[in-house]
C-alpha atoms as a PDB file:
ATOM      1  CA  UNK A   1     -41.300 -30.265   3.854  1.00  0.00           C
ATOM      2  CA  UNK A   2     -40.840 -27.515   6.462  1.00  0.00           C
ATOM      3  CA  UNK A   3     -37.296 -28.729   7.186  1.00  0.00           C
ATOM      4  CA  UNK A   4     -36.404 -28.585   3.471  1.00  0.00           C
ATOM      5  CA  UNK A   5     -37.855 -25.084   3.138  1.00  0.00           C
ATOM      6  CA  UNK A   6     -35.986 -23.886   6.238  1.00  0.00           C
ATOM      7  CA  UNK A   7     -32.760 -25.450   4.988  1.00  0.00           C
ATOM      8  CA  UNK A   8     -33.134 -23.788   1.571  1.00  0.00           C
ATOM      9  CA  UNK A   9     -33.893 -20.432   3.206  1.00  0.00           C
ATOM     10  CA  UNK A  10     -30.816 -20.744   5.425  1.00  0.00           C
ATOM     11  CA  UNK A  11     -28.604 -21.631   2.455  1.00  0.00           C
ATOM     12  CA  UNK A  12     -29.973 -18.727   0.426  1.00  0.00           C
ATOM     13  CA  UNK A  13     -29.366 -16.349   3.330  1.00  0.00           C
ATOM     14  CA  UNK A  14     -25.791 -17.617   3.743  1.00  0.00           C
ATOM     15  CA  UNK A  15     -25.083 -17.313  -0.013  1.00  0.00           C
ATOM     16  CA  UNK A  16     -26.451 -13.753  -0.047  1.00  0.00           C
ATOM     17  CA  UNK A  17     -24.253 -12.828   2.922  1.00  0.00           C
ATOM     18  CA  UNK A  18     -21.204 -14.272   1.153  1.00  0.00           C
ATOM     19  CA  UNK A  19     -21.948 -12.200  -1.967  1.00  0.00           C
ATOM     20  CA  UNK A  20     -22.286  -9.002   0.077  1.00  0.00           C
ATOM     21  CA  UNK A  21     -19.051  -9.757   1.986  1.00  0.00           C
ATOM     22  CA  UNK A  22     -17.120 -10.008  -1.286  1.00  0.00           C
ATOM     23  CA  UNK A  23     -18.326  -6.825  -2.956  1.00  0.00           C
ATOM     24  CA  UNK A  24     -14.798  -5.363  -3.298  1.00  0.00           C
ATOM     25  CA  UNK A  25     -13.187  -8.489  -4.727  1.00  0.00           C
ATOM     26  CA  UNK A  26     -11.514  -8.454  -8.125  1.00  0.00           C
ATOM     27  CA  UNK A  27     -12.970 -11.582  -9.716  1.00  0.00           C
ATOM     28  CA  UNK A  28     -13.969  -9.753 -12.884  1.00  0.00           C
ATOM     29  CA  UNK A  29     -10.282  -9.021 -13.567  1.00  0.00           C
ATOM     30  CA  UNK A  30      -8.910 -12.402 -12.445  1.00  0.00           C
ATOM     31  CA  UNK A  31      -7.601 -11.218  -9.095  1.00  0.00           C
ATOM     32  CA  UNK A  32      -7.833 -13.429  -6.055  1.00  0.00           C
ATOM     33  CA  UNK A  33     -11.261 -13.749  -4.484  1.00  0.00           C
ATOM     34  CA  UNK A  34     -10.585 -12.320  -1.022  1.00  0.00           C
ATOM     35  CA  UNK A  35     -13.562 -11.664   1.254  1.00  0.00           C
ATOM     36  CA  UNK A  36     -13.574  -8.470   3.277  1.00  0.00           C
ATOM     37  CA  UNK A  37     -12.352  -8.766   6.835  1.00  0.00           C
ATOM     38  CA  UNK A  38     -13.964  -7.296   9.901  1.00  0.00           C
ATOM     39  CA  UNK A  39     -10.611  -6.860  11.683  1.00  0.00           C
ATOM     40  CA  UNK A  40      -8.824  -3.501  11.739  1.00  0.00           C
ATOM     41  CA  UNK A  41      -5.863  -4.973   9.890  1.00  0.00           C
ATOM     42  CA  UNK A  42      -8.091  -6.555   7.241  1.00  0.00           C
ATOM     43  CA  UNK A  43      -9.961  -3.295   6.664  1.00  0.00           C
ATOM     44  CA  UNK A  44      -6.662  -1.398   6.291  1.00  0.00           C
ATOM     45  CA  UNK A  45      -5.458  -4.003   3.801  1.00  0.00           C
ATOM     46  CA  UNK A  46      -8.700  -3.674   1.808  1.00  0.00           C
ATOM     47  CA  UNK A  47      -8.317   0.130   1.687  1.00  0.00           C
ATOM     48  CA  UNK A  48      -4.723  -0.174   0.453  1.00  0.00           C
ATOM     49  CA  UNK A  49      -5.802  -2.705  -2.190  1.00  0.00           C
ATOM     50  CA  UNK A  50      -8.333  -0.106  -3.347  1.00  0.00           C
ATOM     51  CA  UNK A  51      -5.581   2.571  -3.404  1.00  0.00           C
ATOM     52  CA  UNK A  52      -3.426   0.331  -5.618  1.00  0.00           C
ATOM     53  CA  UNK A  53      -6.430  -0.421  -7.821  1.00  0.00           C
ATOM     54  CA  UNK A  54      -6.985   3.314  -8.390  1.00  0.00           C
ATOM     55  CA  UNK A  55      -3.304   3.816  -9.237  1.00  0.00           C
ATOM     56  CA  UNK A  56      -3.466   1.057 -11.828  1.00  0.00           C
ATOM     57  CA  UNK A  57      -6.780   2.218 -13.293  1.00  0.00           C
ATOM     58  CA  UNK A  58      -5.519   5.808 -13.692  1.00  0.00           C
ATOM     59  CA  UNK A  59      -2.146   4.861 -15.215  1.00  0.00           C
ATOM     60  CA  UNK A  60      -1.852   5.019 -19.026  1.00  0.00           C
ATOM     61  CA  UNK A  61      -1.006   1.491 -20.196  1.00  0.00           C
ATOM     62  CA  UNK A  62       2.229   2.570 -21.914  1.00  0.00           C
ATOM     63  CA  UNK A  63       3.759   3.406 -18.506  1.00  0.00           C
ATOM     64  CA  UNK A  64       2.926   0.124 -16.762  1.00  0.00           C
ATOM     65  CA  UNK A  65       6.364  -1.372 -17.460  1.00  0.00           C
ATOM     66  CA  UNK A  66       8.341   1.659 -16.265  1.00  0.00           C
ATOM     67  CA  UNK A  67      10.615   0.785 -13.279  1.00  0.00           C
ATOM     68  CA  UNK A  68       8.992   2.232 -10.132  1.00  0.00           C
ATOM     69  CA  UNK A  69      10.434   2.857  -6.664  1.00  0.00           C
ATOM     70  CA  UNK A  70       7.986   3.207  -3.772  1.00  0.00           C
ATOM     71  CA  UNK A  71       8.907   5.642  -0.999  1.00  0.00           C
ATOM     72  CA  UNK A  72       7.574   6.108   2.524  1.00  0.00           C
ATOM     73  CA  UNK A  73       4.433   8.225   2.722  1.00  0.00           C
ATOM     74  CA  UNK A  74       4.997  11.502   4.571  1.00  0.00           C
ATOM     75  CA  UNK A  75       3.081  13.981   6.685  1.00  0.00           C
ATOM     76  CA  UNK A  76       1.532  16.603   4.371  1.00  0.00           C
ATOM     77  CA  UNK A  77       2.421  19.376   6.830  1.00  0.00           C
ATOM     78  CA  UNK A  78       5.960  18.088   7.462  1.00  0.00           C
ATOM     79  CA  UNK A  79       7.204  16.595   4.220  1.00  0.00           C
ATOM     80  CA  UNK A  80      10.440  15.474   5.873  1.00  0.00           C
ATOM     81  CA  UNK A  81       8.646  13.267   8.458  1.00  0.00           C
ATOM     82  CA  UNK A  82       7.241   9.773   8.217  1.00  0.00           C
ATOM     83  CA  UNK A  83       6.130   7.204  10.764  1.00  0.00           C
ATOM     84  CA  UNK A  84       5.012   3.596  11.109  1.00  0.00           C
ATOM     85  CA  UNK A  85       1.826   4.186   9.081  1.00  0.00           C
ATOM     86  CA  UNK A  86       3.738   5.928   6.265  1.00  0.00           C
ATOM     87  CA  UNK A  87       6.195   3.051   6.028  1.00  0.00           C
ATOM     88  CA  UNK A  88       3.422   0.434   6.198  1.00  0.00           C
ATOM     89  CA  UNK A  89       1.511   2.066   3.330  1.00  0.00           C
ATOM     90  CA  UNK A  90       4.647   2.056   1.156  1.00  0.00           C
ATOM     91  CA  UNK A  91       5.456  -1.557   1.993  1.00  0.00           C
ATOM     92  CA  UNK A  92       1.917  -2.675   1.212  1.00  0.00           C
ATOM     93  CA  UNK A  93       1.841  -0.778  -2.090  1.00  0.00           C
ATOM     94  CA  UNK A  94       5.115  -2.404  -3.178  1.00  0.00           C
ATOM     95  CA  UNK A  95       3.350  -5.736  -2.857  1.00  0.00           C
ATOM     96  CA  UNK A  96       0.072  -4.641  -4.435  1.00  0.00           C
ATOM     97  CA  UNK A  97       1.762  -3.119  -7.492  1.00  0.00           C
ATOM     98  CA  UNK A  98       4.078  -6.077  -7.964  1.00  0.00           C
ATOM     99  CA  UNK A  99       1.183  -8.575  -7.998  1.00  0.00           C
ATOM    100  CA  UNK A 100      -0.512  -6.386 -10.618  1.00  0.00           C
ATOM    101  CA  UNK A 101       2.505  -6.827 -12.899  1.00  0.00           C
ATOM    102  CA  UNK A 102       4.255  -3.474 -12.334  1.00  0.00           C
ATOM    103  CA  UNK A 103       8.054  -3.279 -12.552  1.00  0.00           C
ATOM    104  CA  UNK A 104       8.749  -2.455  -8.869  1.00  0.00           C
ATOM    105  CA  UNK A 105      12.288  -1.679  -7.673  1.00  0.00           C
ATOM    106  CA  UNK A 106      13.210  -1.879  -3.971  1.00  0.00           C
ATOM    107  CA  UNK A 107      15.732   0.907  -3.419  1.00  0.00           C
ATOM    108  CA  UNK A 108      16.695  -0.521  -0.008  1.00  0.00           C
ATOM    109  CA  UNK A 109      18.585  -3.450  -1.560  1.00  0.00           C
ATOM    110  CA  UNK A 110      22.152  -3.600  -0.290  1.00  0.00           C
ATOM    111  CA  UNK A 111      25.267  -4.246  -2.380  1.00  0.00           C
ATOM    112  CA  UNK A 112      25.685  -7.612  -0.659  1.00  0.00           C
ATOM    113  CA  UNK A 113      24.012  -9.792   1.940  1.00  0.00           C
ATOM    114  CA  UNK A 114      24.884  -8.675   5.457  1.00  0.00           C
ATOM    115  CA  UNK A 115      25.419 -11.613   7.820  1.00  0.00           C
ATOM    116  CA  UNK A 116      25.949 -11.142  11.544  1.00  0.00           C
ATOM    117  CA  UNK A 117      24.935 -12.903  14.784  1.00  0.00           C
ATOM    118  CA  UNK A 118      21.482 -11.261  14.608  1.00  0.00           C
ATOM    119  CA  UNK A 119      20.648 -12.750  11.184  1.00  0.00           C
ATOM    120  CA  UNK A 120      21.013 -12.351   7.435  1.00  0.00           C
ATOM    121  CA  UNK A 121      19.963  -9.020   5.926  1.00  0.00           C
ATOM    122  CA  UNK A 122      19.608  -7.665   2.407  1.00  0.00           C
ATOM    123  CA  UNK A 123      17.590  -4.462   3.012  1.00  0.00           C
ATOM    124  CA  UNK A 124      18.940  -1.284   4.589  1.00  0.00           C
ATOM    125  CA  UNK A 125      18.353   2.447   4.921  1.00  0.00           C
ATOM    126  CA  UNK A 126      22.104   3.138   5.171  1.00  0.00           C
ATOM    127  CA  UNK A 127      22.905   5.056   1.955  1.00  0.00           C
ATOM    128  CA  UNK A 128      26.496   3.746   1.912  1.00  0.00           C
ATOM    129  CA  UNK A 129      25.298   0.139   1.766  1.00  0.00           C
ATOM    130  CA  UNK A 130      22.711   0.561  -0.989  1.00  0.00           C
ATOM    131  CA  UNK A 131      22.951  -0.612  -4.586  1.00  0.00           C
ATOM    132  CA  UNK A 132      21.200   2.465  -6.035  1.00  0.00           C
ATOM    133  CA  UNK A 133      23.568   3.148  -8.921  1.00  0.00           C
ATOM    134  CA  UNK A 134      22.496  -0.035 -10.737  1.00  0.00           C
ATOM    135  CA  UNK A 135      18.749   0.588 -10.418  1.00  0.00           C
ATOM    136  CA  UNK A 136      17.273   2.358 -13.446  1.00  0.00           C
ATOM    137  CA  UNK A 137      14.241   3.986 -11.852  1.00  0.00           C
ATOM    138  CA  UNK A 138      11.809   5.749 -14.196  1.00  0.00           C
ATOM    139  CA  UNK A 139       9.156   6.825 -11.696  1.00  0.00           C
ATOM    140  CA  UNK A 140       8.573   7.117  -7.964  1.00  0.00           C
ATOM    141  CA  UNK A 141       5.387   6.310  -6.101  1.00  0.00           C
ATOM    142  CA  UNK A 142       5.102   8.819  -3.296  1.00  0.00           C
ATOM    143  CA  UNK A 143       2.335   9.970  -1.059  1.00  0.00           C
ATOM    144  CA  UNK A 144       1.121  11.997   1.872  1.00  0.00           C
ATOM    145  CA  UNK A 145      -1.186  11.539   4.821  1.00  0.00           C
ATOM    146  CA  UNK A 146      -2.995  14.233   6.752  1.00  0.00           C
ATOM    147  CA  UNK A 147      -5.454  14.210   9.622  1.00  0.00           C
ATOM    148  CA  UNK A 148      -8.941  15.563   9.255  1.00  0.00           C
ATOM    149  CA  UNK A 149     -11.548  15.826  12.020  1.00  0.00           C
ATOM    150  CA  UNK A 150     -12.325  12.094  12.214  1.00  0.00           C
ATOM    151  CA  UNK A 151     -10.206  10.562   9.467  1.00  0.00           C
ATOM    152  CA  UNK A 152      -6.802  10.304   7.852  1.00  0.00           C
ATOM    153  CA  UNK A 153      -6.645  11.343   4.195  1.00  0.00           C
ATOM    154  CA  UNK A 154      -4.056   9.473   2.135  1.00  0.00           C
ATOM    155  CA  UNK A 155      -2.991  10.683  -1.312  1.00  0.00           C
ATOM    156  CA  UNK A 156      -0.694   8.692  -3.591  1.00  0.00           C
ATOM    157  CA  UNK A 157       0.940   9.762  -6.831  1.00  0.00           C
ATOM    158  CA  UNK A 158       3.191   8.127  -9.359  1.00  0.00           C
ATOM    159  CA  UNK A 159       5.688  10.763 -10.528  1.00  0.00           C
ATOM    160  CA  UNK A 160       7.902  10.416 -13.592  1.00  0.00           C
ATOM    161  CA  UNK A 161      11.471  11.288 -12.604  1.00  0.00           C
ATOM    162  CA  UNK A 162      12.701  12.931 -15.799  1.00  0.00           C
ATOM    163  CA  UNK A 163       9.989  15.630 -15.939  1.00  0.00           C
ATOM    164  CA  UNK A 164       7.989  15.453 -12.638  1.00  0.00           C
ATOM    165  CA  UNK A 165       4.808  14.523 -14.560  1.00  0.00           C
ATOM    166  CA  UNK A 166       2.152  12.835 -12.423  1.00  0.00           C
ATOM    167  CA  UNK A 167       1.384   9.607 -14.270  1.00  0.00           C
ATOM    168  CA  UNK A 168      -1.279   8.352 -11.861  1.00  0.00           C
ATOM    169  CA  UNK A 169      -2.870   9.334  -8.567  1.00  0.00           C
ATOM    170  CA  UNK A 170      -5.177   7.836  -5.957  1.00  0.00           C
ATOM    171  CA  UNK A 171      -6.835   8.759  -2.676  1.00  0.00           C
ATOM    172  CA  UNK A 172      -8.419   6.987   0.288  1.00  0.00           C
ATOM    173  CA  UNK A 173      -9.541   7.885   3.797  1.00  0.00           C
ATOM    174  CA  UNK A 174      -9.011   5.866   6.946  1.00  0.00           C
ATOM    175  CA  UNK A 175     -11.103   6.328  10.076  1.00  0.00           C
ATOM    176  CA  UNK A 176      -9.049   8.035  12.774  1.00  0.00           C
ATOM    177  CA  UNK A 177      -9.534   5.380  15.437  1.00  0.00           C
ATOM    178  CA  UNK A 178      -7.581   3.091  15.671  1.00  0.00           C
ATOM    179  CA  UNK A 179      -4.647   4.566  13.702  1.00  0.00           C
ATOM    180  CA  UNK A 180      -3.622   7.326  16.129  1.00  0.00           C
ATOM    181  CA  UNK A 181      -0.773   5.265  17.564  1.00  0.00           C
ATOM    182  CA  UNK A 182       0.693   4.649  14.116  1.00  0.00           C
ATOM    183  CA  UNK A 183       0.371   8.345  13.232  1.00  0.00           C
ATOM    184  CA  UNK A 184       1.906   9.733  16.388  1.00  0.00           C
ATOM    185  CA  UNK A 185       4.665   7.265  17.118  1.00  0.00           C
ATOM    186  CA  UNK A 186       7.511   9.812  16.947  1.00  0.00           C
ATOM    187  CA  UNK A 187       9.159   8.380  20.042  1.00  0.00           C
ATOM    188  CA  UNK A 188       8.945   4.779  18.808  1.00  0.00           C
ATOM    189  CA  UNK A 189      10.206   4.738  15.265  1.00  0.00           C
ATOM    190  CA  UNK A 190       9.410   7.945  13.423  1.00  0.00           C
ATOM    191  CA  UNK A 191      11.978   9.015  10.865  1.00  0.00           C
ATOM    192  CA  UNK A 192      12.901  12.610  10.174  1.00  0.00           C
ATOM    193  CA  UNK A 193      14.811  13.432   7.009  1.00  0.00           C
ATOM    194  CA  UNK A 194      17.418  16.062   7.799  1.00  0.00           C
ATOM    195  CA  UNK A 195      18.769  16.735   4.318  1.00  0.00           C
END
């Protein structure tokens, strides 16, 4: 009898832990049941899922089908600078919005597939190679990051192109460690817009 009681107690404890681990999952809205991760990467992914969830929740339904381009997130104090973290946030949000059924346009699509000895490529940041003229973009998802004492504040906004109206916005904070390298990687991949 003691073994059965101990086994039931262990199973109940495990089931309770599983429920707590999944507190930010989206089962109630038919999203995938993804448990929270304890890794740095998993926690960042969970925060960006929450950012996308806020954007969707705050967007009036009539705008959900508008074609959206997602741009790199920029430094709030230097709006012409981005870095690895700013590009990663944008890339992640492209995915998160697309799986939620948004009409996401990738503005980096080239006019044709580029094939060379290094591989086959279809994305570029070279303006002369892009296929922009055929993309009918109605809104842009943009955002900023800024450092606070112990955290990074990230703001996102969906802006309608024809009148600059903010259609939706969202905000999250990331703990400063361990994202310093991604924030201050100017010498290893930061982009500065000169125009």
